[in-house]
């Protein structure tokens, strides 16, 4: 059986110092930034996705060991494997994957890690279940858990189920983190792509109090006249 150590060694061999330096800047790993201290091997995402095809059937305990790696690309690999396993798994396997995901959110600690996985594991799991875990995540002190709550609703939005996103976006209006503003605005925009009237109703009630980044993301696809009306309310 392939071990997590063997996989990390393979990933290290695929890395590039130049790409790693760029990634550390791009993902804000400096002191006081949201990705402070994260380590990169320097592997581009398409290469990681190719690796997923090779290792998609790893046992969950090995995937978990990779998820706990200090290297960003290893954690990305683990999460993409979890997404594949969740989609193809039995009910028992899906329950286990969901539990592992929510018990290890400290490892899901940058926006790309959240965005590639929350919809497909948390959102997919809760679609036919109580949505209460999303509201607990939305109240978390962790920026990444709050973003997980928002991005999980993408699974619902794709199925024209908007209620939870609208409630969460309203809850998070006072949030101080730009990455939450962007996520909420993005999800509102996705609602609008499916039902513009529902997004417009939300904006009519909240545009004046919305963080500007959230508002700008939400109205990105609106006609210019409508954009200007909301921006200058």
C-alpha atoms as a PDB file:
ATOM      1  CA  UNK A   1       0.000   0.000   0.000  1.00  0.00           C
ATOM      2  CA  UNK A   2       1.230   3.490  -0.849  1.00  0.00           C
ATOM      3  CA  UNK A   3       2.015   5.438   2.323  1.00  0.00           C
ATOM      4  CA  UNK A   4       1.543   9.129   2.978  1.00  0.00           C
ATOM      5  CA  UNK A   5       5.330   9.446   3.299  1.00  0.00           C
ATOM      6  CA  UNK A   6       5.851   8.009  -0.184  1.00  0.00           C
ATOM      7  CA  UNK A   7       3.263  10.396  -1.615  1.00  0.00           C
ATOM      8  CA  UNK A   8       4.840  13.440   0.027  1.00  0.00           C
ATOM      9  CA  UNK A   9       8.222  12.397  -1.394  1.00  0.00           C
ATOM     10  CA  UNK A  10       6.656  12.108  -4.856  1.00  0.00           C
ATOM     11  CA  UNK A  11       5.111  15.555  -4.482  1.00  0.00           C
ATOM     12  CA  UNK A  12       8.425  17.058  -3.403  1.00  0.00           C
ATOM     13  CA  UNK A  13      10.009  15.680  -6.565  1.00  0.00           C
ATOM     14  CA  UNK A  14       7.349  17.456  -8.650  1.00  0.00           C
ATOM     15  CA  UNK A  15       7.966  20.828  -6.989  1.00  0.00           C
ATOM     16  CA  UNK A  16       9.611  23.977  -8.293  1.00  0.00           C
ATOM     17  CA  UNK A  17      11.286  26.569  -6.076  1.00  0.00           C
ATOM     18  CA  UNK A  18      10.258  29.358  -8.434  1.00  0.00           C
ATOM     19  CA  UNK A  19       6.591  28.334  -8.411  1.00  0.00           C
ATOM     20  CA  UNK A  20       6.745  27.915  -4.635  1.00  0.00           C
ATOM     21  CA  UNK A  21       8.000  31.484  -4.173  1.00  0.00           C
ATOM     22  CA  UNK A  22       5.225  32.807  -6.407  1.00  0.00           C
ATOM     23  CA  UNK A  23       2.604  30.764  -4.525  1.00  0.00           C
ATOM     24  CA  UNK A  24       3.794  32.050  -1.168  1.00  0.00           C
ATOM     25  CA  UNK A  25       3.224  35.608  -2.387  1.00  0.00           C
ATOM     26  CA  UNK A  26      -0.075  34.834  -4.121  1.00  0.00           C
ATOM     27  CA  UNK A  27      -1.551  33.049  -1.106  1.00  0.00           C
ATOM     28  CA  UNK A  28      -0.435  35.734   1.348  1.00  0.00           C
ATOM     29  CA  UNK A  29       1.883  33.727   3.583  1.00  0.00           C
ATOM     30  CA  UNK A  30       3.708  36.697   5.101  1.00  0.00           C
ATOM     31  CA  UNK A  31       3.519  37.732   8.741  1.00  0.00           C
ATOM     32  CA  UNK A  32       0.036  38.940   9.639  1.00  0.00           C
ATOM     33  CA  UNK A  33      -1.462  37.791   6.319  1.00  0.00           C
ATOM     34  CA  UNK A  34      -4.265  35.260   6.058  1.00  0.00           C
ATOM     35  CA  UNK A  35      -1.966  32.425   4.925  1.00  0.00           C
ATOM     36  CA  UNK A  36       0.831  33.226   7.349  1.00  0.00           C
ATOM     37  CA  UNK A  37       3.436  30.484   7.568  1.00  0.00           C
ATOM     38  CA  UNK A  38       1.990  28.170   4.916  1.00  0.00           C
ATOM     39  CA  UNK A  39       4.573  26.104   3.045  1.00  0.00           C
ATOM     40  CA  UNK A  40       4.535  25.414  -0.691  1.00  0.00           C
ATOM     41  CA  UNK A  41       6.289  22.809  -2.789  1.00  0.00           C
ATOM     42  CA  UNK A  42       5.654  24.670  -6.033  1.00  0.00           C
ATOM     43  CA  UNK A  43       3.287  22.349  -7.921  1.00  0.00           C
ATOM     44  CA  UNK A  44       0.665  23.705 -10.284  1.00  0.00           C
ATOM     45  CA  UNK A  45      -2.960  22.651  -9.818  1.00  0.00           C
ATOM     46  CA  UNK A  46      -3.265  20.650 -13.085  1.00  0.00           C
ATOM     47  CA  UNK A  47      -0.362  18.473 -11.913  1.00  0.00           C
ATOM     48  CA  UNK A  48      -2.087  17.911  -8.562  1.00  0.00           C
ATOM     49  CA  UNK A  49      -5.264  16.915 -10.390  1.00  0.00           C
ATOM     50  CA  UNK A  50      -3.307  14.348 -12.386  1.00  0.00           C
ATOM     51  CA  UNK A  51      -2.019  12.928  -9.107  1.00  0.00           C
ATOM     52  CA  UNK A  52      -5.606  12.611  -7.858  1.00  0.00           C
ATOM     53  CA  UNK A  53      -6.314  10.159 -10.682  1.00  0.00           C
ATOM     54  CA  UNK A  54      -3.484   7.930  -9.483  1.00  0.00           C
ATOM     55  CA  UNK A  55      -4.299   8.078  -5.782  1.00  0.00           C
ATOM     56  CA  UNK A  56      -8.068   8.505  -5.712  1.00  0.00           C
ATOM     57  CA  UNK A  57      -8.575   5.102  -4.026  1.00  0.00           C
ATOM     58  CA  UNK A  58      -6.279   5.686  -1.060  1.00  0.00           C
ATOM     59  CA  UNK A  59      -7.635   4.551   2.326  1.00  0.00           C
ATOM     60  CA  UNK A  60      -9.125   7.384   4.317  1.00  0.00           C
ATOM     61  CA  UNK A  61      -6.528   7.113   7.073  1.00  0.00           C
ATOM     62  CA  UNK A  62      -3.776   7.769   4.520  1.00  0.00           C
ATOM     63  CA  UNK A  63      -5.729  10.661   3.007  1.00  0.00           C
ATOM     64  CA  UNK A  64      -6.068  12.136   6.492  1.00  0.00           C
ATOM     65  CA  UNK A  65      -2.318  11.909   7.062  1.00  0.00           C
ATOM     66  CA  UNK A  66      -1.765  13.816   3.805  1.00  0.00           C
ATOM     67  CA  UNK A  67      -4.396  16.383   4.818  1.00  0.00           C
ATOM     68  CA  UNK A  68      -2.338  17.102   7.924  1.00  0.00           C
ATOM     69  CA  UNK A  69       0.821  17.805   5.931  1.00  0.00           C
ATOM     70  CA  UNK A  70       2.459  21.217   6.380  1.00  0.00           C
ATOM     71  CA  UNK A  71       2.625  21.509   2.577  1.00  0.00           C
ATOM     72  CA  UNK A  72      -0.250  23.325   0.900  1.00  0.00           C
ATOM     73  CA  UNK A  73      -0.246  21.189  -2.244  1.00  0.00           C
ATOM     74  CA  UNK A  74      -0.415  17.989  -0.182  1.00  0.00           C
ATOM     75  CA  UNK A  75      -3.497  19.276   1.632  1.00  0.00           C
ATOM     76  CA  UNK A  76      -5.009  20.253  -1.731  1.00  0.00           C
ATOM     77  CA  UNK A  77      -4.355  16.747  -3.031  1.00  0.00           C
ATOM     78  CA  UNK A  78      -6.016  15.199   0.024  1.00  0.00           C
ATOM     79  CA  UNK A  79      -9.094  17.383  -0.328  1.00  0.00           C
ATOM     80  CA  UNK A  80      -9.472  16.663  -4.048  1.00  0.00           C
ATOM     81  CA  UNK A  81      -9.217  12.942  -3.299  1.00  0.00           C
ATOM     82  CA  UNK A  82     -11.914  13.361  -0.647  1.00  0.00           C
ATOM     83  CA  UNK A  83     -14.156  15.097  -3.179  1.00  0.00           C
ATOM     84  CA  UNK A  84     -13.738  12.193  -5.618  1.00  0.00           C
ATOM     85  CA  UNK A  85     -14.308   9.601  -2.913  1.00  0.00           C
ATOM     86  CA  UNK A  86     -17.398  11.390  -1.622  1.00  0.00           C
ATOM     87  CA  UNK A  87     -18.967  11.505  -5.091  1.00  0.00           C
ATOM     88  CA  UNK A  88     -18.384   7.781  -5.641  1.00  0.00           C
ATOM     89  CA  UNK A  89     -18.774   6.540  -2.078  1.00  0.00           C
ATOM     90  CA  UNK A  90     -21.318   4.512  -0.177  1.00  0.00           C
ATOM     91  CA  UNK A  91     -23.432   6.135   2.516  1.00  0.00           C
ATOM     92  CA  UNK A  92     -21.006   4.840   5.140  1.00  0.00           C
ATOM     93  CA  UNK A  93     -17.996   6.219   3.252  1.00  0.00           C
ATOM     94  CA  UNK A  94     -19.689   9.587   2.772  1.00  0.00           C
ATOM     95  CA  UNK A  95     -20.508   9.867   6.464  1.00  0.00           C
ATOM     96  CA  UNK A  96     -16.878   9.153   7.323  1.00  0.00           C
ATOM     97  CA  UNK A  97     -15.551  11.677   4.803  1.00  0.00           C
ATOM     98  CA  UNK A  98     -17.891  14.372   6.081  1.00  0.00           C
ATOM     99  CA  UNK A  99     -16.845  13.752   9.684  1.00  0.00           C
ATOM    100  CA  UNK A 100     -13.144  13.825   8.817  1.00  0.00           C
ATOM    101  CA  UNK A 101     -13.626  17.046   6.865  1.00  0.00           C
ATOM    102  CA  UNK A 102     -15.364  18.910   9.691  1.00  0.00           C
ATOM    103  CA  UNK A 103     -13.024  17.541  12.364  1.00  0.00           C
ATOM    104  CA  UNK A 104      -9.987  18.825  10.476  1.00  0.00           C
ATOM    105  CA  UNK A 105     -11.004  22.271   9.277  1.00  0.00           C
ATOM    106  CA  UNK A 106      -7.751  23.611  10.749  1.00  0.00           C
ATOM    107  CA  UNK A 107      -6.056  21.921   7.781  1.00  0.00           C
ATOM    108  CA  UNK A 108      -8.432  23.584   5.289  1.00  0.00           C
ATOM    109  CA  UNK A 109      -6.806  26.929   5.811  1.00  0.00           C
ATOM    110  CA  UNK A 110      -6.764  28.899   2.600  1.00  0.00           C
ATOM    111  CA  UNK A 111      -9.409  30.019   0.160  1.00  0.00           C
ATOM    112  CA  UNK A 112      -8.491  27.582  -2.616  1.00  0.00           C
ATOM    113  CA  UNK A 113      -8.673  24.635  -0.217  1.00  0.00           C
ATOM    114  CA  UNK A 114     -12.143  25.694   0.906  1.00  0.00           C
ATOM    115  CA  UNK A 115     -13.397  26.519  -2.561  1.00  0.00           C
ATOM    116  CA  UNK A 116     -12.404  23.203  -4.166  1.00  0.00           C
ATOM    117  CA  UNK A 117     -14.048  21.084  -1.493  1.00  0.00           C
ATOM    118  CA  UNK A 118     -16.742  22.633   0.713  1.00  0.00           C
ATOM    119  CA  UNK A 119     -19.478  22.454  -1.891  1.00  0.00           C
ATOM    120  CA  UNK A 120     -18.721  18.840  -2.788  1.00  0.00           C
ATOM    121  CA  UNK A 121     -18.370  17.400   0.717  1.00  0.00           C
ATOM    122  CA  UNK A 122     -20.200  19.621   3.216  1.00  0.00           C
ATOM    123  CA  UNK A 123     -22.815  20.979   0.827  1.00  0.00           C
ATOM    124  CA  UNK A 124     -23.480  17.617  -0.783  1.00  0.00           C
ATOM    125  CA  UNK A 125     -23.768  15.934   2.614  1.00  0.00           C
ATOM    126  CA  UNK A 126     -26.186  18.461   4.071  1.00  0.00           C
ATOM    127  CA  UNK A 127     -28.402  18.824   1.014  1.00  0.00           C
ATOM    128  CA  UNK A 128     -30.873  16.238   2.331  1.00  0.00           C
ATOM    129  CA  UNK A 129     -30.073  16.790   6.004  1.00  0.00           C
ATOM    130  CA  UNK A 130     -30.340  19.504   8.633  1.00  0.00           C
ATOM    131  CA  UNK A 131     -28.438  22.627   7.611  1.00  0.00           C
ATOM    132  CA  UNK A 132     -27.707  23.510  11.259  1.00  0.00           C
ATOM    133  CA  UNK A 133     -23.961  22.752  10.929  1.00  0.00           C
ATOM    134  CA  UNK A 134     -23.641  25.602   8.441  1.00  0.00           C
ATOM    135  CA  UNK A 135     -24.899  28.120  10.981  1.00  0.00           C
ATOM    136  CA  UNK A 136     -22.462  26.821  13.586  1.00  0.00           C
ATOM    137  CA  UNK A 137     -19.637  27.224  11.070  1.00  0.00           C
ATOM    138  CA  UNK A 138     -20.844  30.715  10.184  1.00  0.00           C
ATOM    139  CA  UNK A 139     -20.527  31.737  13.844  1.00  0.00           C
ATOM    140  CA  UNK A 140     -16.989  30.369  14.137  1.00  0.00           C
ATOM    141  CA  UNK A 141     -14.017  32.571  14.931  1.00  0.00           C
ATOM    142  CA  UNK A 142     -12.227  30.828  12.073  1.00  0.00           C
ATOM    143  CA  UNK A 143     -12.288  32.728   8.799  1.00  0.00           C
ATOM    144  CA  UNK A 144     -12.025  29.424   6.950  1.00  0.00           C
ATOM    145  CA  UNK A 145     -14.955  27.797   8.742  1.00  0.00           C
ATOM    146  CA  UNK A 146     -17.120  30.802   7.929  1.00  0.00           C
ATOM    147  CA  UNK A 147     -16.052  30.559   4.279  1.00  0.00           C
ATOM    148  CA  UNK A 148     -16.806  26.813   4.319  1.00  0.00           C
ATOM    149  CA  UNK A 149     -20.366  27.648   5.430  1.00  0.00           C
ATOM    150  CA  UNK A 150     -20.838  30.012   2.493  1.00  0.00           C
ATOM    151  CA  UNK A 151     -19.195  27.850  -0.153  1.00  0.00           C
ATOM    152  CA  UNK A 152     -21.097  24.750   0.970  1.00  0.00           C
ATOM    153  CA  UNK A 153     -24.293  26.453  -0.168  1.00  0.00           C
ATOM    154  CA  UNK A 154     -23.041  26.406  -3.757  1.00  0.00           C
ATOM    155  CA  UNK A 155     -24.278  22.796  -3.871  1.00  0.00           C
ATOM    156  CA  UNK A 156     -27.761  24.053  -2.928  1.00  0.00           C
ATOM    157  CA  UNK A 157     -27.653  27.058  -5.246  1.00  0.00           C
ATOM    158  CA  UNK A 158     -26.883  24.848  -8.246  1.00  0.00           C
ATOM    159  CA  UNK A 159     -30.151  23.086  -7.409  1.00  0.00           C
ATOM    160  CA  UNK A 160     -32.130  26.332  -7.078  1.00  0.00           C
ATOM    161  CA  UNK A 161     -32.205  26.144  -3.290  1.00  0.00           C
ATOM    162  CA  UNK A 162     -31.253  29.647  -2.135  1.00  0.00           C
ATOM    163  CA  UNK A 163     -32.680  30.023   1.360  1.00  0.00           C
ATOM    164  CA  UNK A 164     -29.607  29.120   3.378  1.00  0.00           C
ATOM    165  CA  UNK A 165     -27.233  31.267   1.365  1.00  0.00           C
ATOM    166  CA  UNK A 166     -29.509  34.278   1.818  1.00  0.00           C
ATOM    167  CA  UNK A 167     -29.681  33.695   5.575  1.00  0.00           C
ATOM    168  CA  UNK A 168     -25.939  33.179   5.891  1.00  0.00           C
ATOM    169  CA  UNK A 169     -25.109  36.205   3.760  1.00  0.00           C
ATOM    170  CA  UNK A 170     -27.341  38.317   5.999  1.00  0.00           C
ATOM    171  CA  UNK A 171     -25.718  36.857   9.133  1.00  0.00           C
ATOM    172  CA  UNK A 172     -22.262  37.694   7.806  1.00  0.00           C
ATOM    173  CA  UNK A 173     -22.941  41.262   6.712  1.00  0.00           C
ATOM    174  CA  UNK A 174     -20.975  42.581   9.726  1.00  0.00           C
ATOM    175  CA  UNK A 175     -18.034  40.249   9.074  1.00  0.00           C
ATOM    176  CA  UNK A 176     -14.722  42.115   8.900  1.00  0.00           C
ATOM    177  CA  UNK A 177     -12.860  39.723   6.589  1.00  0.00           C
ATOM    178  CA  UNK A 178     -12.534  40.580   2.904  1.00  0.00           C
ATOM    179  CA  UNK A 179     -12.451  36.884   1.971  1.00  0.00           C
ATOM    180  CA  UNK A 180     -15.895  36.482   3.531  1.00  0.00           C
ATOM    181  CA  UNK A 181     -17.198  39.531   1.675  1.00  0.00           C
ATOM    182  CA  UNK A 182     -15.919  38.056  -1.598  1.00  0.00           C
ATOM    183  CA  UNK A 183     -17.416  34.626  -0.907  1.00  0.00           C
ATOM    184  CA  UNK A 184     -20.827  36.016   0.051  1.00  0.00           C
ATOM    185  CA  UNK A 185     -20.895  38.322  -2.973  1.00  0.00           C
ATOM    186  CA  UNK A 186     -19.887  35.474  -5.255  1.00  0.00           C
ATOM    187  CA  UNK A 187     -22.647  33.213  -3.937  1.00  0.00           C
ATOM    188  CA  UNK A 188     -25.209  36.014  -4.258  1.00  0.00           C
ATOM    189  CA  UNK A 189     -24.102  36.470  -7.859  1.00  0.00           C
ATOM    190  CA  UNK A 190     -24.644  32.745  -8.423  1.00  0.00           C
ATOM    191  CA  UNK A 191     -28.171  33.084  -7.032  1.00  0.00           C
ATOM    192  CA  UNK A 192     -28.760  35.976  -9.426  1.00  0.00           C
ATOM    193  CA  UNK A 193     -27.615  33.907 -12.408  1.00  0.00           C
ATOM    194  CA  UNK A 194     -30.488  31.558 -11.642  1.00  0.00           C
ATOM    195  CA  UNK A 195     -33.097  34.005 -10.329  1.00  0.00           C
ATOM    196  CA  UNK A 196     -32.231  37.679 -10.646  1.00  0.00           C
ATOM    197  CA  UNK A 197     -35.377  38.758  -8.779  1.00  0.00           C
ATOM    198  CA  UNK A 198     -34.343  36.920  -5.598  1.00  0.00           C
ATOM    199  CA  UNK A 199     -30.883  38.476  -5.605  1.00  0.00           C
ATOM    200  CA  UNK A 200     -32.344  41.902  -6.365  1.00  0.00           C
ATOM    201  CA  UNK A 201     -34.767  41.615  -3.445  1.00  0.00           C
ATOM    202  CA  UNK A 202     -31.855  40.802  -1.129  1.00  0.00           C
ATOM    203  CA  UNK A 203     -29.878  43.768  -2.434  1.00  0.00           C
ATOM    204  CA  UNK A 204     -32.814  46.152  -2.076  1.00  0.00           C
ATOM    205  CA  UNK A 205     -32.905  45.290   1.634  1.00  0.00           C
ATOM    206  CA  UNK A 206     -29.185  45.163   2.338  1.00  0.00           C
ATOM    207  CA  UNK A 207     -27.155  47.055  -0.254  1.00  0.00           C
ATOM    208  CA  UNK A 208     -26.702  50.102   1.989  1.00  0.00           C
ATOM    209  CA  UNK A 209     -25.193  48.018   4.788  1.00  0.00           C
ATOM    210  CA  UNK A 210     -23.227  45.542   2.684  1.00  0.00           C
ATOM    211  CA  UNK A 211     -19.438  45.734   2.614  1.00  0.00           C
ATOM    212  CA  UNK A 212     -18.481  47.279  -0.720  1.00  0.00           C
ATOM    213  CA  UNK A 213     -16.523  44.234  -1.851  1.00  0.00           C
ATOM    214  CA  UNK A 214     -19.523  41.978  -1.212  1.00  0.00           C
ATOM    215  CA  UNK A 215     -21.789  44.341  -3.115  1.00  0.00           C
ATOM    216  CA  UNK A 216     -19.414  44.681  -6.070  1.00  0.00           C
ATOM    217  CA  UNK A 217     -19.070  40.914  -6.389  1.00  0.00           C
ATOM    218  CA  UNK A 218     -22.845  40.460  -6.123  1.00  0.00           C
ATOM    219  CA  UNK A 219     -23.724  42.948  -8.868  1.00  0.00           C
ATOM    220  CA  UNK A 220     -20.937  42.083 -11.271  1.00  0.00           C
ATOM    221  CA  UNK A 221     -23.368  40.745 -13.906  1.00  0.00           C
ATOM    222  CA  UNK A 222     -25.996  43.454 -13.523  1.00  0.00           C
ATOM    223  CA  UNK A 223     -26.567  46.022 -16.269  1.00  0.00           C
ATOM    224  CA  UNK A 224     -24.480  49.144 -15.703  1.00  0.00           C
ATOM    225  CA  UNK A 225     -27.502  51.257 -14.766  1.00  0.00           C
ATOM    226  CA  UNK A 226     -28.517  48.791 -12.046  1.00  0.00           C
ATOM    227  CA  UNK A 227     -24.929  48.508 -10.810  1.00  0.00           C
ATOM    228  CA  UNK A 228     -24.667  52.251 -10.426  1.00  0.00           C
ATOM    229  CA  UNK A 229     -28.015  52.450  -8.650  1.00  0.00           C
ATOM    230  CA  UNK A 230     -26.916  49.951  -5.992  1.00  0.00           C
ATOM    231  CA  UNK A 231     -23.442  51.436  -5.671  1.00  0.00           C
ATOM    232  CA  UNK A 232     -24.814  54.905  -5.001  1.00  0.00           C
ATOM    233  CA  UNK A 233     -27.686  54.112  -2.683  1.00  0.00           C
END
